[in-house]
Amino acid sequence: MTVLIVARHGNTFEPGEPPRRIGQRTDLPLTARGIEHGRNLGAYLKKINLLPSRIYTSELRRTRQMAECVNESAGINLPPQSMPMFNELDYGPDENQTEDKVIARIGESAMSDWEEKAIMPQGWSPDPQTIARRWKDFADHIAATQPDSVVLVITSNGIARFALGLGGDFEGACRSFGPKLATGGFGVLEHDGQNWQIQSWNVRP
């Protein structure tokens, strides 16, 4: 059985700093709290005996730093492989904007649809179909070529949520689990030889 762990990087904002829409064009490092998130994830995966055999990240340093922290606290040494498909969304006109400014542009309803149903607002990219196809191609490839392995992907919230589609019912998974991963949170999917099953989502060590 192939196990896929999908994790979100840790905090990139300091306490009291207004959150902003940080996408693929804004390459922030982890904060001290974000580093703690990474160490917590590694320690937790070690505790539950779910250590990865491979780690994939985006090209952004917040995900690569997270991988370093996981390696350190889990007591492993896996050079992470960076893949552009795991880069965060490009938020277009909302890139690096505070949430109040984003809502002023897209509206409360569109923001609610994104947070609860993963319906992407106009102006963000790539489109959901492209992201979902990339997840399927990646996941099916590791299931075929890395059977009985544990694979950790560290990405960002906008990309991570579309991994829920691997279970075959994306809308149902969003209703059951909620699409969002908290900072430092993760979900687990397992491939039984034929299909992917969602075992957990938005677990935060």
C-alpha atoms as a PDB file:
ATOM      1  CA  MET A   1       0.000   0.000   0.000  1.00  0.00           C
ATOM      2  CA  THR A   2       1.331   3.409  -0.989  1.00  0.00           C
ATOM      3  CA  VAL A   3       0.777   6.189   1.540  1.00  0.00           C
ATOM      4  CA  LEU A   4       0.680   9.823   0.460  1.00  0.00           C
ATOM      5  CA  ILE A   5       1.057  12.487   3.143  1.00  0.00           C
ATOM      6  CA  VAL A   6       0.068  15.964   1.975  1.00  0.00           C
ATOM      7  CA  ALA A   7       1.360  18.687   4.304  1.00  0.00           C
ATOM      8  CA  ARG A   8       1.125  22.464   4.366  1.00  0.00           C
ATOM      9  CA  HIS A   9       4.183  24.483   5.296  1.00  0.00           C
ATOM     10  CA  GLY A  10       4.320  26.300   8.630  1.00  0.00           C
ATOM     11  CA  ASN A  11       3.753  29.938   9.483  1.00  0.00           C
ATOM     12  CA  THR A  12       5.254  32.687   7.335  1.00  0.00           C
ATOM     13  CA  PHE A  13       3.782  35.607   9.324  1.00  0.00           C
ATOM     14  CA  GLU A  14       5.006  36.878  12.655  1.00  0.00           C
ATOM     15  CA  PRO A  15       2.531  37.217  15.559  1.00  0.00           C
ATOM     16  CA  GLY A  16       0.415  40.333  15.072  1.00  0.00           C
ATOM     17  CA  GLU A  17       1.382  40.693  11.411  1.00  0.00           C
ATOM     18  CA  PRO A  18      -1.697  41.008   9.140  1.00  0.00           C
ATOM     19  CA  PRO A  19      -2.007  37.846   6.982  1.00  0.00           C
ATOM     20  CA  ARG A  20      -1.730  38.338   3.241  1.00  0.00           C
ATOM     21  CA  ARG A  21      -2.417  36.229   0.154  1.00  0.00           C
ATOM     22  CA  ILE A  22       1.050  34.834  -0.380  1.00  0.00           C
ATOM     23  CA  GLY A  23       1.302  32.922  -3.632  1.00  0.00           C
ATOM     24  CA  GLN A  24       3.979  31.590  -5.923  1.00  0.00           C
ATOM     25  CA  ARG A  25       5.395  35.051  -6.682  1.00  0.00           C
ATOM     26  CA  THR A  26       6.167  35.846  -3.030  1.00  0.00           C
ATOM     27  CA  ASP A  27       8.928  33.659  -1.609  1.00  0.00           C
ATOM     28  CA  LEU A  28       8.794  34.067   2.168  1.00  0.00           C
ATOM     29  CA  PRO A  29      10.820  32.055   4.710  1.00  0.00           C
ATOM     30  CA  LEU A  30       9.280  30.325   7.706  1.00  0.00           C
ATOM     31  CA  THR A  31       9.007  32.221  10.968  1.00  0.00           C
ATOM     32  CA  ALA A  32      10.186  30.746  14.270  1.00  0.00           C
ATOM     33  CA  ARG A  33       6.673  29.375  14.730  1.00  0.00           C
ATOM     34  CA  GLY A  34       6.759  27.937  11.217  1.00  0.00           C
ATOM     35  CA  ILE A  35      10.006  26.135  11.998  1.00  0.00           C
ATOM     36  CA  GLU A  36       8.315  24.726  15.103  1.00  0.00           C
ATOM     37  CA  HIS A  37       5.469  23.482  12.896  1.00  0.00           C
ATOM     38  CA  GLY A  38       7.989  21.596  10.769  1.00  0.00           C
ATOM     39  CA  ARG A  39       9.679  20.039  13.759  1.00  0.00           C
ATOM     40  CA  ASN A  40       6.321  19.055  15.220  1.00  0.00           C
ATOM     41  CA  LEU A  41       5.361  17.339  11.978  1.00  0.00           C
ATOM     42  CA  GLY A  42       8.583  15.339  11.826  1.00  0.00           C
ATOM     43  CA  ALA A  43       8.329  14.300  15.468  1.00  0.00           C
ATOM     44  CA  TYR A  44       4.691  13.284  15.034  1.00  0.00           C
ATOM     45  CA  LEU A  45       5.339  11.185  11.925  1.00  0.00           C
ATOM     46  CA  LYS A  46       8.122   9.422  13.812  1.00  0.00           C
ATOM     47  CA  LYS A  47       5.849   8.847  16.811  1.00  0.00           C
ATOM     48  CA  ILE A  48       3.106   7.218  14.714  1.00  0.00           C
ATOM     49  CA  ASN A  49       5.649   5.241  12.666  1.00  0.00           C
ATOM     50  CA  LEU A  50       4.779   6.939   9.384  1.00  0.00           C
ATOM     51  CA  LEU A  51       8.216   8.101   8.310  1.00  0.00           C
ATOM     52  CA  PRO A  52       8.485   9.062   4.646  1.00  0.00           C
ATOM     53  CA  SER A  53      10.787   7.327   2.215  1.00  0.00           C
ATOM     54  CA  ARG A  54      10.691  10.298  -0.155  1.00  0.00           C
ATOM     55  CA  ILE A  55       9.939  13.992   0.273  1.00  0.00           C
ATOM     56  CA  TYR A  56       8.683  16.322  -2.434  1.00  0.00           C
ATOM     57  CA  THR A  57       8.312  20.080  -2.045  1.00  0.00           C
ATOM     58  CA  SER A  58       7.541  23.120  -4.128  1.00  0.00           C
ATOM     59  CA  GLU A  59      10.346  25.358  -5.347  1.00  0.00           C
ATOM     60  CA  LEU A  60       9.517  27.917  -2.635  1.00  0.00           C
ATOM     61  CA  ARG A  61      11.798  28.148   0.360  1.00  0.00           C
ATOM     62  CA  ARG A  62       8.990  27.910   2.916  1.00  0.00           C
ATOM     63  CA  THR A  63       8.313  24.338   1.793  1.00  0.00           C
ATOM     64  CA  ARG A  64      11.998  23.449   1.476  1.00  0.00           C
ATOM     65  CA  GLN A  65      12.629  24.781   4.993  1.00  0.00           C
ATOM     66  CA  MET A  66       9.716  22.713   6.252  1.00  0.00           C
ATOM     67  CA  ALA A  67      11.328  19.603   4.764  1.00  0.00           C
ATOM     68  CA  GLU A  68      14.583  20.389   6.535  1.00  0.00           C
ATOM     69  CA  CYS A  69      12.750  20.636   9.852  1.00  0.00           C
ATOM     70  CA  VAL A  70      10.920  17.348   9.249  1.00  0.00           C
ATOM     71  CA  ASN A  71      14.205  15.614   8.443  1.00  0.00           C
ATOM     72  CA  GLU A  72      15.832  16.960  11.585  1.00  0.00           C
ATOM     73  CA  SER A  73      13.095  16.106  14.050  1.00  0.00           C
ATOM     74  CA  ALA A  74      12.217  12.760  12.482  1.00  0.00           C
ATOM     75  CA  GLY A  75      15.856  11.662  12.490  1.00  0.00           C
ATOM     76  CA  ILE A  76      15.964  11.034   8.747  1.00  0.00           C
ATOM     77  CA  ASN A  77      18.013  12.478   5.912  1.00  0.00           C
ATOM     78  CA  LEU A  78      15.991  12.626   2.714  1.00  0.00           C
ATOM     79  CA  PRO A  79      17.044  15.228   0.136  1.00  0.00           C
ATOM     80  CA  PRO A  80      13.721  16.783  -0.910  1.00  0.00           C
ATOM     81  CA  GLN A  81      12.846  16.903  -4.592  1.00  0.00           C
ATOM     82  CA  SER A  82      11.391  20.263  -5.607  1.00  0.00           C
ATOM     83  CA  MET A  83       8.636  20.226  -8.225  1.00  0.00           C
ATOM     84  CA  PRO A  84       6.995  23.309  -9.762  1.00  0.00           C
ATOM     85  CA  MET A  85       3.570  21.636  -9.698  1.00  0.00           C
ATOM     86  CA  PHE A  86       3.574  22.090  -5.926  1.00  0.00           C
ATOM     87  CA  ASN A  87       4.216  25.848  -6.081  1.00  0.00           C
ATOM     88  CA  GLU A  88       1.412  27.855  -4.511  1.00  0.00           C
ATOM     89  CA  LEU A  89      -1.277  29.468  -6.642  1.00  0.00           C
ATOM     90  CA  ASP A  90      -0.624  32.705  -8.467  1.00  0.00           C
ATOM     91  CA  TYR A  91      -3.156  34.997  -6.847  1.00  0.00           C
ATOM     92  CA  GLY A  92      -3.056  37.480  -9.708  1.00  0.00           C
ATOM     93  CA  PRO A  93      -4.271  40.926  -8.578  1.00  0.00           C
ATOM     94  CA  ASP A  94      -4.612  39.614  -5.009  1.00  0.00           C
ATOM     95  CA  GLU A  95      -0.974  38.516  -4.653  1.00  0.00           C
ATOM     96  CA  ASN A  96       0.525  39.807  -1.404  1.00  0.00           C
ATOM     97  CA  GLN A  97      -2.668  41.665  -0.495  1.00  0.00           C
ATOM     98  CA  THR A  98      -4.327  41.610   2.928  1.00  0.00           C
ATOM     99  CA  GLU A  99      -7.550  39.629   3.240  1.00  0.00           C
ATOM    100  CA  ASP A 100      -9.739  42.721   3.543  1.00  0.00           C
ATOM    101  CA  LYS A 101      -8.449  43.980   0.202  1.00  0.00           C
ATOM    102  CA  VAL A 102      -8.960  40.581  -1.400  1.00  0.00           C
ATOM    103  CA  ILE A 103     -12.554  40.450  -0.147  1.00  0.00           C
ATOM    104  CA  ALA A 104     -13.139  43.984  -1.372  1.00  0.00           C
ATOM    105  CA  ARG A 105     -12.206  42.817  -4.873  1.00  0.00           C
ATOM    106  CA  ILE A 106     -13.846  39.390  -5.080  1.00  0.00           C
ATOM    107  CA  GLY A 107     -16.652  39.717  -2.513  1.00  0.00           C
ATOM    108  CA  GLU A 108     -17.594  37.815   0.652  1.00  0.00           C
ATOM    109  CA  SER A 109     -19.485  35.139  -1.285  1.00  0.00           C
ATOM    110  CA  ALA A 110     -16.523  34.285  -3.521  1.00  0.00           C
ATOM    111  CA  MET A 111     -14.214  34.083  -0.513  1.00  0.00           C
ATOM    112  CA  SER A 112     -16.662  31.790   1.282  1.00  0.00           C
ATOM    113  CA  ASP A 113     -16.900  29.562  -1.802  1.00  0.00           C
ATOM    114  CA  TRP A 114     -13.111  29.288  -1.862  1.00  0.00           C
ATOM    115  CA  GLU A 115     -12.759  28.528   1.831  1.00  0.00           C
ATOM    116  CA  GLU A 116     -15.608  26.014   2.003  1.00  0.00           C
ATOM    117  CA  LYS A 117     -15.853  24.524  -1.504  1.00  0.00           C
ATOM    118  CA  ALA A 118     -12.486  25.285  -3.166  1.00  0.00           C
ATOM    119  CA  ILE A 119     -14.239  27.242  -5.927  1.00  0.00           C
ATOM    120  CA  MET A 120     -11.472  29.450  -7.262  1.00  0.00           C
ATOM    121  CA  PRO A 121     -12.097  33.203  -7.640  1.00  0.00           C
ATOM    122  CA  GLN A 122     -11.563  34.868 -10.978  1.00  0.00           C
ATOM    123  CA  GLY A 123      -8.002  36.004 -11.593  1.00  0.00           C
ATOM    124  CA  TRP A 124      -6.215  33.178  -9.753  1.00  0.00           C
ATOM    125  CA  SER A 125      -4.272  30.453 -11.539  1.00  0.00           C
ATOM    126  CA  PRO A 126      -3.660  27.726 -12.570  1.00  0.00           C
ATOM    127  CA  ASP A 127      -7.226  26.524 -13.006  1.00  0.00           C
ATOM    128  CA  PRO A 128      -8.545  23.790 -10.681  1.00  0.00           C
ATOM    129  CA  GLN A 129      -8.767  21.221 -13.475  1.00  0.00           C
ATOM    130  CA  THR A 130      -5.063  21.607 -14.208  1.00  0.00           C
ATOM    131  CA  ILE A 131      -4.125  21.265 -10.532  1.00  0.00           C
ATOM    132  CA  ALA A 132      -6.348  18.207 -10.093  1.00  0.00           C
ATOM    133  CA  ARG A 133      -4.876  16.544 -13.178  1.00  0.00           C
ATOM    134  CA  ARG A 134      -1.346  17.148 -11.920  1.00  0.00           C
ATOM    135  CA  TRP A 135      -2.222  15.594  -8.563  1.00  0.00           C
ATOM    136  CA  LYS A 136      -3.724  12.538 -10.243  1.00  0.00           C
ATOM    137  CA  ASP A 137      -0.763  12.059 -12.569  1.00  0.00           C
ATOM    138  CA  PHE A 138       1.695  12.405  -9.681  1.00  0.00           C
ATOM    139  CA  ALA A 139      -0.225  10.182  -7.283  1.00  0.00           C
ATOM    140  CA  ASP A 140      -0.870   7.455  -9.832  1.00  0.00           C
ATOM    141  CA  HIS A 141       2.805   7.516 -10.792  1.00  0.00           C
ATOM    142  CA  ILE A 142       4.028   7.004  -7.232  1.00  0.00           C
ATOM    143  CA  ALA A 143       1.446   4.273  -6.659  1.00  0.00           C
ATOM    144  CA  ALA A 144       2.747   2.454  -9.748  1.00  0.00           C
ATOM    145  CA  THR A 145       6.471   3.028  -9.201  1.00  0.00           C
ATOM    146  CA  GLN A 146       6.790   3.289  -5.410  1.00  0.00           C
ATOM    147  CA  PRO A 147       4.470   0.599  -4.023  1.00  0.00           C
ATOM    148  CA  ASP A 148       4.458   0.145  -0.244  1.00  0.00           C
ATOM    149  CA  SER A 149       6.228   3.474   0.221  1.00  0.00           C
ATOM    150  CA  VAL A 150       5.378   6.538   2.289  1.00  0.00           C
ATOM    151  CA  VAL A 151       5.644   9.746   0.275  1.00  0.00           C
ATOM    152  CA  LEU A 152       5.497  13.198   1.864  1.00  0.00           C
ATOM    153  CA  VAL A 153       4.527  16.229  -0.204  1.00  0.00           C
ATOM    154  CA  ILE A 154       4.996  19.652   1.371  1.00  0.00           C
ATOM    155  CA  THR A 155       3.116  22.364  -0.465  1.00  0.00           C
ATOM    156  CA  SER A 156       0.817  25.317   0.200  1.00  0.00           C
ATOM    157  CA  ASN A 157      -2.848  25.558   1.086  1.00  0.00           C
ATOM    158  CA  GLY A 158      -4.106  26.556  -2.355  1.00  0.00           C
ATOM    159  CA  ILE A 159      -2.524  23.526  -4.015  1.00  0.00           C
ATOM    160  CA  ALA A 160      -2.890  20.978  -1.190  1.00  0.00           C
ATOM    161  CA  ARG A 161      -6.692  21.075  -1.104  1.00  0.00           C
ATOM    162  CA  PHE A 162      -7.031  19.658  -4.604  1.00  0.00           C
ATOM    163  CA  ALA A 163      -5.401  16.396  -3.484  1.00  0.00           C
ATOM    164  CA  LEU A 164      -8.803  15.633  -1.978  1.00  0.00           C
ATOM    165  CA  GLY A 165      -9.958  14.877  -5.510  1.00  0.00           C
ATOM    166  CA  LEU A 166      -7.824  11.729  -5.518  1.00  0.00           C
ATOM    167  CA  GLY A 167     -10.545  10.052  -3.465  1.00  0.00           C
ATOM    168  CA  GLY A 168     -12.893  10.314  -6.449  1.00  0.00           C
ATOM    169  CA  ASP A 169     -15.444  12.725  -4.973  1.00  0.00           C
ATOM    170  CA  PHE A 170     -13.888  16.144  -4.559  1.00  0.00           C
ATOM    171  CA  GLU A 171     -17.083  17.982  -3.632  1.00  0.00           C
ATOM    172  CA  GLY A 172     -18.034  15.301  -1.128  1.00  0.00           C
ATOM    173  CA  ALA A 173     -14.545  15.388   0.423  1.00  0.00           C
ATOM    174  CA  CYS A 174     -14.762  19.184   0.779  1.00  0.00           C
ATOM    175  CA  ARG A 175     -18.096  18.790   2.569  1.00  0.00           C
ATOM    176  CA  SER A 176     -16.788  16.022   4.828  1.00  0.00           C
ATOM    177  CA  PHE A 177     -13.351  17.366   5.681  1.00  0.00           C
ATOM    178  CA  GLY A 178     -13.310  21.006   4.597  1.00  0.00           C
ATOM    179  CA  PRO A 179     -10.725  21.782   1.924  1.00  0.00           C
ATOM    180  CA  LYS A 180      -8.305  23.802   4.017  1.00  0.00           C
ATOM    181  CA  LEU A 181      -5.137  22.558   5.668  1.00  0.00           C
ATOM    182  CA  ALA A 182      -4.024  24.605   8.663  1.00  0.00           C
ATOM    183  CA  THR A 183      -0.434  25.828   8.659  1.00  0.00           C
ATOM    184  CA  GLY A 184       1.688  22.852   9.664  1.00  0.00           C
ATOM    185  CA  GLY A 185      -1.254  20.514   9.122  1.00  0.00           C
ATOM    186  CA  PHE A 186      -1.422  17.415   6.959  1.00  0.00           C
ATOM    187  CA  GLY A 187      -3.680  14.772   5.460  1.00  0.00           C
ATOM    188  CA  VAL A 188      -3.115  11.103   4.664  1.00  0.00           C
ATOM    189  CA  LEU A 189      -4.266   9.217   1.576  1.00  0.00           C
ATOM    190  CA  GLU A 190      -3.700   5.508   0.931  1.00  0.00           C
ATOM    191  CA  HIS A 191      -3.673   3.577  -2.333  1.00  0.00           C
ATOM    192  CA  ASP A 192      -5.102   0.072  -1.968  1.00  0.00           C
ATOM    193  CA  GLY A 193      -3.788  -1.156  -5.304  1.00  0.00           C
ATOM    194  CA  GLN A 194      -6.726   0.238  -7.230  1.00  0.00           C
ATOM    195  CA  ASN A 195      -7.946   3.482  -5.702  1.00  0.00           C
ATOM    196  CA  TRP A 196      -6.898   6.294  -3.409  1.00  0.00           C
ATOM    197  CA  GLN A 197      -8.748   6.628  -0.107  1.00  0.00           C
ATOM    198  CA  ILE A 198      -8.670   9.664   2.179  1.00  0.00           C
ATOM    199  CA  GLN A 199      -7.767   8.495   5.684  1.00  0.00           C
ATOM    200  CA  SER A 200      -7.490  11.863   7.414  1.00  0.00           C
ATOM    201  CA  TRP A 201      -7.329  15.560   6.622  1.00  0.00           C
ATOM    202  CA  ASN A 202      -6.231  18.692   8.443  1.00  0.00           C
ATOM    203  CA  VAL A 203      -4.420  16.928  11.266  1.00  0.00           C
ATOM    204  CA  ARG A 204      -2.194  19.412  13.091  1.00  0.00           C
ATOM    205  CA  PRO A 205       0.489  17.925  15.348  1.00  0.00           C
END
